[in-house]
Amino acid sequence: MDVSVFGTGYVGLIQAAALADVGHRVLCVDIDPGKIRQLQQAVPPISEPGLGSALEENIKAGRLLFSTQASDAVEHGELIFIAVGTPADEDGSADISHVLSVARQIANAMEANRTLIIKSTVPVGTADKVMACAEEELARRGKPYLSVRVVSNPEFLKEGSALADCMRPDRIIIGTADEEARAQLTELYAPFCRNREKLMFMDSRSAELTKYAANAMLATRISFMNELANLTEQLGADIEAVRRGIGSDPRIGYHFIYPGCGFGGSCLPKDLRALLHTAEHNGMPLRLLRSVTEVNDDQRHILLRKLKPYFPAGLAGKKIALWGLAFKPNTDDMREAPSRYLMESLWQEGATVHAFDPESMSECRRLYGYRDDLHLCATRDDTLEDADALVICTEWKNFRVVDFEMLASKLRAKVVIDGRNLYNPQQAADAGLHYRGIGLRHVMPEGPAV
């Protein structure tokens, strides 16, 4: 099928690459000429496993094209994805102005019937607004006889495995009451349903809410475990034992019940705020989800709270090694990452940060520039030179194995604050380290405390 995609951000580019990879002819459009030139050279603007090779292969095969002209995309695609950003307004609501602007551009250039597929994460009722916007533009042009169909098709990608998720989806949610659109989407996604039927059809408002509800549930599980982890420390229990105990219940399972230093990224925080705004605007405040957000806001500061007692004279002048900048592994995304809250707090305390991340160094430099209290190191171990303490923010696989004796010899205060529970507390204590995880039973090393 001939498909166009408006927006070459995270969602649009991943979707385009996946559709081209199964044989569809895809044209992507973006207003940024520099970004389009970069993509035409198969250079991905984001870090995502497998994306670079997928771009290269499908561009070479002629299945994936890029343009800055909206008219090219409207002429090319019988199916047109809208995958532009929906940034949060100051009140937490999602700004759909870019979505509506694209709908107008499409209607303004249409010379034949088209199906618009909303891939952006949008508030409930957006599909109706897109339909009204497109029909209004067609009427203004004197072409009300042209048909525009609008489908809600939310994404459920996980950063770090987004392309794999797109190629092997758990489910494909399609919100439409239009039979022709339903037939088109069935054909479009047929290559992804060879093992089993994954398409789930519903009305557009239910599809829009499904996206928010899924992320709200995941965020709830994370905040529940973080709050429980903080309680286990006070009770002298071990959150890892508790996690295994409850995860073995098939009604609960092991997904998203790992305690840590708070969730971040581009989806969960923003989508929670947007859903809370929608609920309050409709007179139905979501008390549980408000608490989920409050727990996460507090959890973002737990690493600093665990670190400060080891330095009663204050952190001014201290050098803190930091492993992990991205909000999760296998991405360079630092949006609302726990590392940012920690670094900014450490700088306010007068400390210096020496950080390493396998993917996010350039993003960190873009965000914070060059400053005397931030040093980006070439390797994880380089951060340890003359460091007073180590803090772990991201569970990259190359952080999972460490020489505790080496850490103890390098760290002047022998303090390790682990925001992802990567290590065994007893092994760390045996090496003389003051190791603190999230909800783990604290094992004191032999010898004097720091």
Protein backbone atom coordinates (compact mmCIF):
# COMPACT_ATOMS: atom_id res chain seq x y z
CA MET A 1 0.00 0.00 0.00
CA ASP A 2 1.04 3.65 -0.48
CA VAL A 3 1.44 5.25 2.94
CA SER A 4 2.51 8.72 4.04
CA VAL A 5 3.67 9.78 7.48
CA PHE A 6 3.58 13.36 8.76
CA GLY A 7 6.29 13.73 11.40
CA THR A 8 9.66 12.01 11.62
CA GLY A 9 9.95 12.05 15.37
CA TYR A 10 10.19 8.94 17.49
CA VAL A 11 6.76 7.50 16.69
CA GLY A 12 6.50 8.51 13.05
CA LEU A 13 9.96 7.33 12.04
CA ILE A 14 9.65 3.97 13.79
CA GLN A 15 6.23 3.36 12.26
CA ALA A 16 7.47 4.34 8.80
CA ALA A 17 10.49 2.03 9.01
CA ALA A 18 8.36 -0.91 10.16
CA LEU A 19 5.77 -0.44 7.42
CA ALA A 20 8.45 -0.13 4.74
CA ASP A 21 10.20 -3.20 6.08
CA VAL A 22 7.18 -5.40 5.33
CA GLY A 23 6.81 -4.04 1.80
CA HIS A 24 4.61 -0.95 1.96
CA ARG A 25 5.73 2.15 0.02
CA VAL A 26 6.20 4.91 2.62
CA LEU A 27 6.84 8.64 2.22
CA CYS A 28 7.72 10.66 5.31
CA VAL A 29 7.37 14.43 5.46
CA ASP A 30 8.90 16.85 7.95
CA ILE A 31 9.29 20.64 7.99
CA ASP A 32 12.98 20.44 9.00
CA PRO A 33 15.13 20.33 5.80
CA GLY A 34 18.26 19.39 7.75
CA LYS A 35 16.54 16.45 9.36
CA ILE A 36 15.19 15.26 6.00
CA ARG A 37 18.67 15.43 4.43
CA GLN A 38 20.02 13.43 7.36
CA LEU A 39 17.31 10.78 6.97
CA GLN A 40 17.87 10.54 3.23
CA GLN A 41 21.41 9.49 4.12
CA ALA A 42 19.96 6.80 6.45
CA VAL A 43 21.26 8.59 9.55
CA PRO A 44 18.68 8.27 12.34
CA PRO A 45 18.18 11.36 14.55
CA ILE A 46 17.43 9.17 17.57
CA SER A 47 19.19 6.24 19.22
CA GLU A 48 17.08 3.11 18.79
CA PRO A 49 18.39 -0.43 18.22
CA GLY A 50 18.03 -1.57 14.61
CA LEU A 51 16.70 1.71 13.25
CA GLY A 52 19.81 2.69 11.26
CA SER A 53 19.98 -0.59 9.36
CA ALA A 54 16.20 -0.53 8.72
CA LEU A 55 16.46 2.95 7.23
CA GLU A 56 19.42 2.03 5.05
CA GLU A 57 17.84 -1.16 3.72
CA ASN A 58 14.46 0.33 2.91
CA ILE A 59 15.82 3.53 1.39
CA LYS A 60 18.06 1.45 -0.86
CA ALA A 61 15.06 -0.69 -1.85
CA GLY A 62 13.02 2.40 -2.72
CA ARG A 63 10.33 1.64 -0.16
CA LEU A 64 11.15 4.58 2.14
CA LEU A 65 11.25 8.19 0.90
CA PHE A 66 11.52 11.57 2.61
CA SER A 67 10.28 15.03 1.68
CA THR A 68 9.64 18.48 3.11
CA GLN A 69 6.56 19.00 0.93
CA ALA A 70 3.17 18.21 2.45
CA SER A 71 1.64 18.03 -1.02
CA ASP A 72 4.00 15.17 -1.92
CA ALA A 73 2.78 13.17 1.05
CA VAL A 74 -0.91 13.84 0.36
CA GLU A 75 -0.54 12.86 -3.29
CA HIS A 76 1.44 9.71 -2.43
CA GLY A 77 -0.49 8.15 0.43
CA GLU A 78 -3.98 6.68 0.36
CA LEU A 79 -3.35 6.20 4.07
CA ILE A 80 -1.79 9.15 5.90
CA PHE A 81 -0.39 8.85 9.41
CA ILE A 82 -0.33 11.91 11.66
CA ALA A 83 2.58 11.43 14.04
CA VAL A 84 3.47 14.95 15.15
CA GLY A 85 4.15 16.09 18.68
CA THR A 86 1.51 16.83 21.30
CA PRO A 87 3.55 18.75 23.90
CA ALA A 88 2.16 19.44 27.33
CA ASP A 89 0.71 22.87 28.07
CA GLU A 90 1.38 24.57 31.40
CA ASP A 91 -1.81 23.08 32.84
CA GLY A 92 -0.72 19.55 31.85
CA SER A 93 -3.12 19.21 28.93
CA ALA A 94 -1.89 17.90 25.59
CA ASP A 95 -1.50 20.53 22.89
CA ILE A 96 -3.08 19.14 19.70
CA SER A 97 -2.51 22.25 17.58
CA HIS A 98 0.13 20.49 15.47
CA VAL A 99 -2.25 17.59 14.82
CA LEU A 100 -5.01 19.93 13.68
CA SER A 101 -2.57 21.93 11.57
CA VAL A 102 -1.52 18.78 9.71
CA ALA A 103 -5.17 17.82 9.20
CA ARG A 104 -5.74 21.22 7.55
CA GLN A 105 -2.66 20.79 5.34
CA ILE A 106 -3.86 17.39 4.20
CA ALA A 107 -7.38 18.62 3.44
CA ASN A 108 -5.94 21.65 1.66
CA ALA A 109 -3.93 19.44 -0.72
CA MET A 110 -6.40 16.56 -1.20
CA GLU A 111 -7.55 15.79 -4.73
CA ALA A 112 -8.84 12.30 -3.86
CA ASN A 113 -10.33 10.54 -0.85
CA ARG A 114 -7.89 9.92 1.98
CA THR A 115 -7.78 8.08 5.31
CA LEU A 116 -6.09 9.93 8.17
CA ILE A 117 -4.60 7.77 10.92
CA ILE A 118 -3.82 9.54 14.19
CA LYS A 119 -0.71 7.94 15.67
CA SER A 120 0.11 10.81 18.01
CA THR A 121 -0.97 10.45 21.62
CA VAL A 122 -4.03 12.70 21.83
CA PRO A 123 -6.84 13.45 24.29
CA VAL A 124 -10.20 11.75 23.96
CA GLY A 125 -12.26 13.43 21.27
CA THR A 126 -9.34 14.46 19.05
CA ALA A 127 -10.41 12.24 16.15
CA ASP A 128 -13.73 14.07 16.07
CA LYS A 129 -11.91 17.42 16.01
CA VAL A 130 -9.60 16.26 13.21
CA MET A 131 -12.61 15.14 11.16
CA ALA A 132 -14.37 18.48 11.69
CA CYS A 133 -11.20 20.41 10.87
CA ALA A 134 -10.58 18.48 7.62
CA GLU A 135 -14.22 18.74 6.50
CA GLU A 136 -14.23 22.46 7.20
CA GLU A 137 -11.13 22.92 5.04
CA LEU A 138 -12.60 20.82 2.22
CA ALA A 139 -15.79 22.89 2.33
CA ARG A 140 -13.75 26.10 2.23
CA ARG A 141 -12.02 24.81 -0.91
CA GLY A 142 -15.39 24.00 -2.49
CA LYS A 143 -14.67 20.26 -2.43
CA PRO A 144 -17.06 18.84 0.17
CA TYR A 145 -17.60 15.83 -2.10
CA LEU A 146 -14.13 14.51 -1.18
CA SER A 147 -14.21 11.93 1.59
CA VAL A 148 -11.87 11.98 4.58
CA ARG A 149 -11.89 9.13 7.05
CA VAL A 150 -10.25 9.54 10.46
CA VAL A 151 -8.89 6.62 12.47
CA SER A 152 -7.40 6.57 15.96
CA ASN A 153 -4.45 4.16 16.04
CA PRO A 154 -2.39 4.82 19.21
CA GLU A 155 1.18 3.55 19.56
CA PHE A 156 2.41 1.30 22.37
CA LEU A 157 6.15 1.43 21.79
CA LYS A 158 8.83 1.07 24.44
CA GLU A 159 11.91 3.19 23.93
CA GLY A 160 14.91 0.93 23.54
CA SER A 161 12.86 -1.77 21.80
CA ALA A 162 10.50 0.36 19.72
CA LEU A 163 11.27 -1.08 16.30
CA ALA A 164 10.96 -4.64 17.62
CA ASP A 165 7.68 -3.68 19.32
CA CYS A 166 6.40 -2.24 16.05
CA MET A 167 7.37 -5.35 14.07
CA ARG A 168 5.93 -7.75 16.68
CA PRO A 169 3.10 -5.85 18.40
CA ASP A 170 1.14 -7.32 21.29
CA ARG A 171 -2.02 -5.69 19.95
CA ILE A 172 -3.00 -3.09 17.36
CA ILE A 173 -5.75 -0.77 18.56
CA ILE A 174 -7.89 0.76 15.81
CA GLY A 175 -10.64 3.24 16.58
CA THR A 176 -13.09 3.74 13.73
CA ALA A 177 -16.73 3.21 12.80
CA ASP A 178 -15.99 3.43 9.07
CA GLU A 179 -16.11 0.06 7.28
CA GLU A 180 -13.83 1.15 4.44
CA ALA A 181 -11.22 2.44 6.87
CA ARG A 182 -11.49 -0.81 8.78
CA ALA A 183 -10.79 -2.78 5.59
CA GLN A 184 -7.81 -0.54 4.76
CA LEU A 185 -6.24 -0.92 8.20
CA THR A 186 -6.79 -4.67 8.11
CA GLU A 187 -4.86 -4.86 4.85
CA LEU A 188 -2.14 -2.47 6.09
CA TYR A 189 -1.43 -4.48 9.24
CA ALA A 190 -1.91 -7.96 7.79
CA PRO A 191 1.88 -8.63 7.67
CA PHE A 192 2.04 -8.07 11.43
CA CYS A 193 -0.77 -10.54 12.17
CA ARG A 194 0.57 -13.72 10.57
CA ASN A 195 0.86 -15.68 13.82
CA ARG A 196 -2.41 -14.50 15.35
CA GLU A 197 -5.02 -11.80 14.94
CA LYS A 198 -3.79 -8.72 16.77
CA LEU A 199 -6.26 -6.12 15.50
CA MET A 200 -8.68 -4.77 18.08
CA PHE A 201 -11.42 -2.54 16.61
CA MET A 202 -13.37 -0.09 18.74
CA ASP A 203 -14.74 3.44 18.57
CA SER A 204 -12.20 6.27 18.30
CA ARG A 205 -12.81 7.66 21.80
CA SER A 206 -12.21 4.28 23.39
CA ALA A 207 -9.01 3.88 21.35
CA GLU A 208 -7.75 7.29 22.46
CA LEU A 209 -8.48 6.49 26.11
CA THR A 210 -6.87 3.04 25.84
CA LYS A 211 -3.47 4.65 25.22
CA TYR A 212 -3.70 6.83 28.32
CA ALA A 213 -5.14 4.02 30.43
CA ALA A 214 -2.27 1.68 29.53
CA ASN A 215 0.40 4.18 30.53
CA ALA A 216 -1.50 5.12 33.67
CA MET A 217 -1.60 1.46 34.74
CA LEU A 218 2.14 1.03 34.15
CA ALA A 219 2.92 4.19 36.08
CA THR A 220 0.69 3.01 38.94
CA ARG A 221 2.61 -0.26 39.25
CA ILE A 222 5.93 1.60 39.35
CA SER A 223 4.83 4.09 41.98
CA PHE A 224 3.24 1.33 44.06
CA MET A 225 6.52 -0.59 44.14
CA ASN A 226 8.54 2.52 44.91
CA GLU A 227 6.31 3.43 47.82
CA LEU A 228 6.41 -0.17 49.07
CA ALA A 229 10.21 -0.19 48.74
CA ASN A 230 10.49 2.87 50.96
CA LEU A 231 8.34 1.12 53.56
CA THR A 232 10.41 -2.07 53.47
CA GLU A 233 13.51 -0.10 54.45
CA GLN A 234 11.76 1.20 57.54
CA LEU A 235 10.52 -2.29 58.44
CA GLY A 236 13.84 -4.05 57.84
CA ALA A 237 12.39 -6.12 55.00
CA ASP A 238 13.80 -6.69 51.50
CA ILE A 239 11.87 -5.39 48.48
CA GLU A 240 13.55 -7.92 46.17
CA ALA A 241 12.12 -10.79 48.19
CA VAL A 242 8.73 -9.08 48.22
CA ARG A 243 8.92 -8.47 44.46
CA ARG A 244 9.60 -12.14 43.75
CA GLY A 245 6.83 -13.16 46.10
CA ILE A 246 4.11 -11.03 44.55
CA GLY A 247 5.39 -11.42 40.98
CA SER A 248 4.94 -15.17 41.18
CA ASP A 249 1.19 -14.56 41.43
CA PRO A 250 -0.03 -14.82 37.80
CA ARG A 251 -2.64 -12.15 38.53
CA ILE A 252 0.21 -9.70 39.17
CA GLY A 253 3.24 -10.89 37.18
CA TYR A 254 6.73 -9.42 37.11
CA HIS A 255 6.31 -6.60 34.61
CA PHE A 256 6.82 -3.07 35.91
CA ILE A 257 7.24 -4.06 39.57
CA TYR A 258 10.92 -3.16 39.85
CA PRO A 259 11.53 -0.40 42.39
CA GLY A 260 13.82 2.44 41.41
CA CYS A 261 14.41 6.17 41.44
CA GLY A 262 11.22 7.15 39.61
CA PHE A 263 9.91 6.93 36.07
CA GLY A 264 10.74 9.47 33.37
CA GLY A 265 10.83 9.67 29.60
CA SER A 266 8.51 11.24 27.07
CA CYS A 267 5.39 9.16 27.75
CA LEU A 268 4.43 8.23 31.29
CA PRO A 269 4.82 11.63 33.01
CA LYS A 270 3.25 13.60 30.14
CA ASP A 271 0.40 11.16 29.55
CA LEU A 272 -0.45 11.00 33.24
CA ARG A 273 -0.69 14.77 33.44
CA ALA A 274 -2.82 14.90 30.31
CA LEU A 275 -5.23 12.25 31.60
CA LEU A 276 -5.50 14.00 34.96
CA HIS A 277 -6.31 17.25 33.16
CA THR A 278 -8.96 15.56 31.02
CA ALA A 279 -10.57 13.97 34.06
CA GLU A 280 -10.63 17.19 36.07
CA HIS A 281 -11.96 19.13 33.07
CA ASN A 282 -14.85 16.66 32.96
CA GLY A 283 -15.54 16.85 36.68
CA MET A 284 -14.11 13.40 37.45
CA PRO A 285 -10.81 13.86 39.32
CA LEU A 286 -8.69 10.69 39.36
CA ARG A 287 -7.50 10.54 42.96
CA LEU A 288 -5.44 7.37 42.54
CA LEU A 289 -3.51 8.71 39.55
CA ARG A 290 -2.93 12.03 41.29
CA SER A 291 -1.23 10.06 44.07
CA VAL A 292 0.79 8.07 41.52
CA THR A 293 2.19 11.34 40.17
CA GLU A 294 2.93 12.67 43.64
CA VAL A 295 4.77 9.49 44.62
CA ASN A 296 6.89 9.70 41.48
CA ASP A 297 7.67 13.38 42.01
CA ASP A 298 8.98 12.51 45.46
CA GLN A 299 10.86 9.40 44.34
CA ARG A 300 12.95 11.45 41.91
CA HIS A 301 14.77 12.92 44.91
CA ILE A 302 15.41 9.68 46.78
CA LEU A 303 18.98 9.27 45.52
CA LEU A 304 20.03 12.61 46.96
CA ARG A 305 18.26 11.79 50.24
CA LYS A 306 20.20 8.54 50.49
CA LEU A 307 23.49 10.22 49.63
CA LYS A 308 23.42 13.24 51.94
CA PRO A 309 23.63 11.42 55.32
CA TYR A 310 27.09 10.13 54.38
CA PHE A 311 28.36 13.71 54.12
CA PRO A 312 27.19 15.50 57.27
CA ALA A 313 29.36 18.51 56.46
CA GLY A 314 27.56 18.91 53.14
CA LEU A 315 28.21 18.02 49.51
CA ALA A 316 29.94 21.26 48.56
CA GLY A 317 33.23 20.46 46.87
CA LYS A 318 32.45 16.74 46.62
CA LYS A 319 32.92 14.82 43.40
CA ILE A 320 30.07 12.45 42.59
CA ALA A 321 30.43 9.75 39.93
CA LEU A 322 27.20 9.12 38.05
CA TRP A 323 26.49 6.05 35.92
CA GLY A 324 23.58 6.45 33.53
CA LEU A 325 21.95 9.60 32.13
CA ALA A 326 19.13 8.24 29.94
CA PHE A 327 15.80 7.60 31.64
CA LYS A 328 16.12 3.91 30.66
CA PRO A 329 18.63 1.69 28.81
CA ASN A 330 18.97 1.46 25.01
CA THR A 331 17.95 5.06 24.36
CA ASP A 332 19.54 8.50 24.52
CA ASP A 333 16.32 10.09 25.81
CA MET A 334 16.85 12.22 28.94
CA ARG A 335 13.38 13.74 29.13
CA GLU A 336 12.39 13.83 32.80
CA ALA A 337 15.18 11.34 33.56
CA PRO A 338 16.02 10.76 37.26
CA SER A 339 19.62 11.70 36.44
CA ARG A 340 18.58 15.24 35.64
CA TYR A 341 16.86 15.78 38.96
CA LEU A 342 19.89 14.35 40.77
CA MET A 343 22.48 16.38 38.86
CA GLU A 344 20.61 19.63 39.23
CA SER A 345 20.22 19.03 42.99
CA LEU A 346 23.91 18.13 43.36
CA TRP A 347 24.91 21.34 41.61
CA GLN A 348 22.71 23.33 43.98
CA GLU A 349 24.55 21.63 46.86
CA GLY A 350 27.90 22.65 45.36
CA ALA A 351 29.01 19.20 44.17
CA THR A 352 30.68 18.30 40.88
CA VAL A 353 29.28 15.51 38.67
CA HIS A 354 31.45 13.17 36.60
CA ALA A 355 29.04 11.19 34.42
CA PHE A 356 29.00 8.43 31.83
CA ASP A 357 26.23 6.96 29.67
CA PRO A 358 26.67 4.70 26.62
CA GLU A 359 24.25 6.74 24.48
CA SER A 360 23.24 10.03 26.11
CA MET A 361 26.48 12.00 26.32
CA SER A 362 25.67 14.24 23.35
CA GLU A 363 22.13 14.78 24.62
CA CYS A 364 23.46 15.73 28.06
CA ARG A 365 25.85 18.23 26.48
CA ARG A 366 22.99 19.66 24.41
CA LEU A 367 20.87 20.10 27.53
CA TYR A 368 23.48 21.50 29.90
CA GLY A 369 26.28 22.81 27.71
CA TYR A 370 29.78 23.23 29.10
CA ARG A 371 29.92 23.94 32.81
CA ASP A 372 32.64 23.56 35.43
CA ASP A 373 30.59 21.24 37.64
CA LEU A 374 29.78 18.71 34.88
CA HIS A 375 32.40 16.41 33.37
CA LEU A 376 31.37 13.81 30.79
CA CYS A 377 33.79 10.90 30.91
CA ALA A 378 34.85 8.46 28.19
CA THR A 379 34.13 5.32 30.23
CA ARG A 380 32.22 4.38 33.36
CA ASP A 381 35.44 3.72 35.29
CA ASP A 382 36.88 7.12 34.35
CA THR A 383 34.13 8.70 36.46
CA LEU A 384 35.58 7.05 39.57
CA GLU A 385 38.94 8.84 39.63
CA ASP A 386 39.10 10.79 42.91
CA ALA A 387 35.32 10.44 43.30
CA ASP A 388 33.77 10.56 46.76
CA ALA A 389 30.72 8.46 45.89
CA LEU A 390 29.03 6.65 43.02
CA VAL A 391 25.35 6.96 42.11
CA ILE A 392 23.67 4.68 39.55
CA CYS A 393 20.66 6.08 37.71
CA THR A 394 20.21 3.78 34.69
CA GLU A 395 20.40 -0.03 34.50
CA TRP A 396 22.59 -0.34 31.41
CA LYS A 397 23.78 -3.92 30.95
CA ASN A 398 27.45 -2.89 31.05
CA PHE A 399 26.89 -1.60 34.59
CA ARG A 400 25.60 -4.94 35.90
CA VAL A 401 28.95 -6.55 36.63
CA VAL A 402 31.46 -4.63 38.70
CA ASP A 403 34.62 -5.26 40.74
CA PHE A 404 33.61 -4.24 44.26
CA GLU A 405 37.22 -4.22 45.46
CA MET A 406 38.03 -1.78 42.66
CA LEU A 407 35.12 0.44 43.65
CA ALA A 408 36.22 0.42 47.28
CA SER A 409 39.76 1.41 46.29
CA LYS A 410 38.60 4.24 44.04
CA LEU A 411 35.81 5.89 46.04
CA ARG A 412 37.15 8.10 48.79
CA ALA A 413 34.03 7.77 50.94
CA LYS A 414 33.32 4.22 49.72
CA VAL A 415 29.65 5.13 49.12
CA VAL A 416 27.51 3.58 46.37
CA ILE A 417 23.88 4.68 45.93
CA ASP A 418 22.17 2.30 43.50
CA GLY A 419 18.91 3.61 42.06
CA ARG A 420 18.30 0.36 40.14
CA ASN A 421 19.27 -2.39 42.62
CA LEU A 422 21.93 -3.87 40.35
CA TYR A 423 24.15 -5.40 43.03
CA ASN A 424 24.18 -7.74 45.99
CA PRO A 425 24.31 -5.69 49.21
CA GLN A 426 26.28 -8.34 51.10
CA GLN A 427 28.99 -8.56 48.43
CA ALA A 428 29.30 -4.79 48.39
CA ALA A 429 29.54 -4.65 52.19
CA ASP A 430 32.15 -7.43 52.23
CA ALA A 431 34.32 -5.21 50.02
CA GLY A 432 33.97 -2.36 52.51
CA LEU A 433 31.40 -0.37 50.56
CA HIS A 434 28.50 1.57 52.04
CA TYR A 435 25.94 0.37 49.54
CA ARG A 436 22.35 1.59 49.50
CA GLY A 437 19.72 0.42 47.04
CA ILE A 438 15.99 1.08 46.83
CA GLY A 439 14.11 -0.95 49.44
CA LEU A 440 17.02 -3.31 50.09
CA ARG A 441 18.06 -4.38 53.57
CA HIS A 442 21.10 -2.28 54.46
CA VAL A 443 24.21 -4.34 55.21
CA MET A 444 26.92 -2.35 56.99
CA PRO A 445 30.55 -3.03 56.01
CA GLU A 446 33.15 -3.81 58.63
CA GLY A 447 35.04 -0.86 59.97
CA PRO A 448 33.99 2.71 60.79
CA ALA A 449 31.09 4.39 59.05
CA VAL A 450 31.77 7.27 56.70
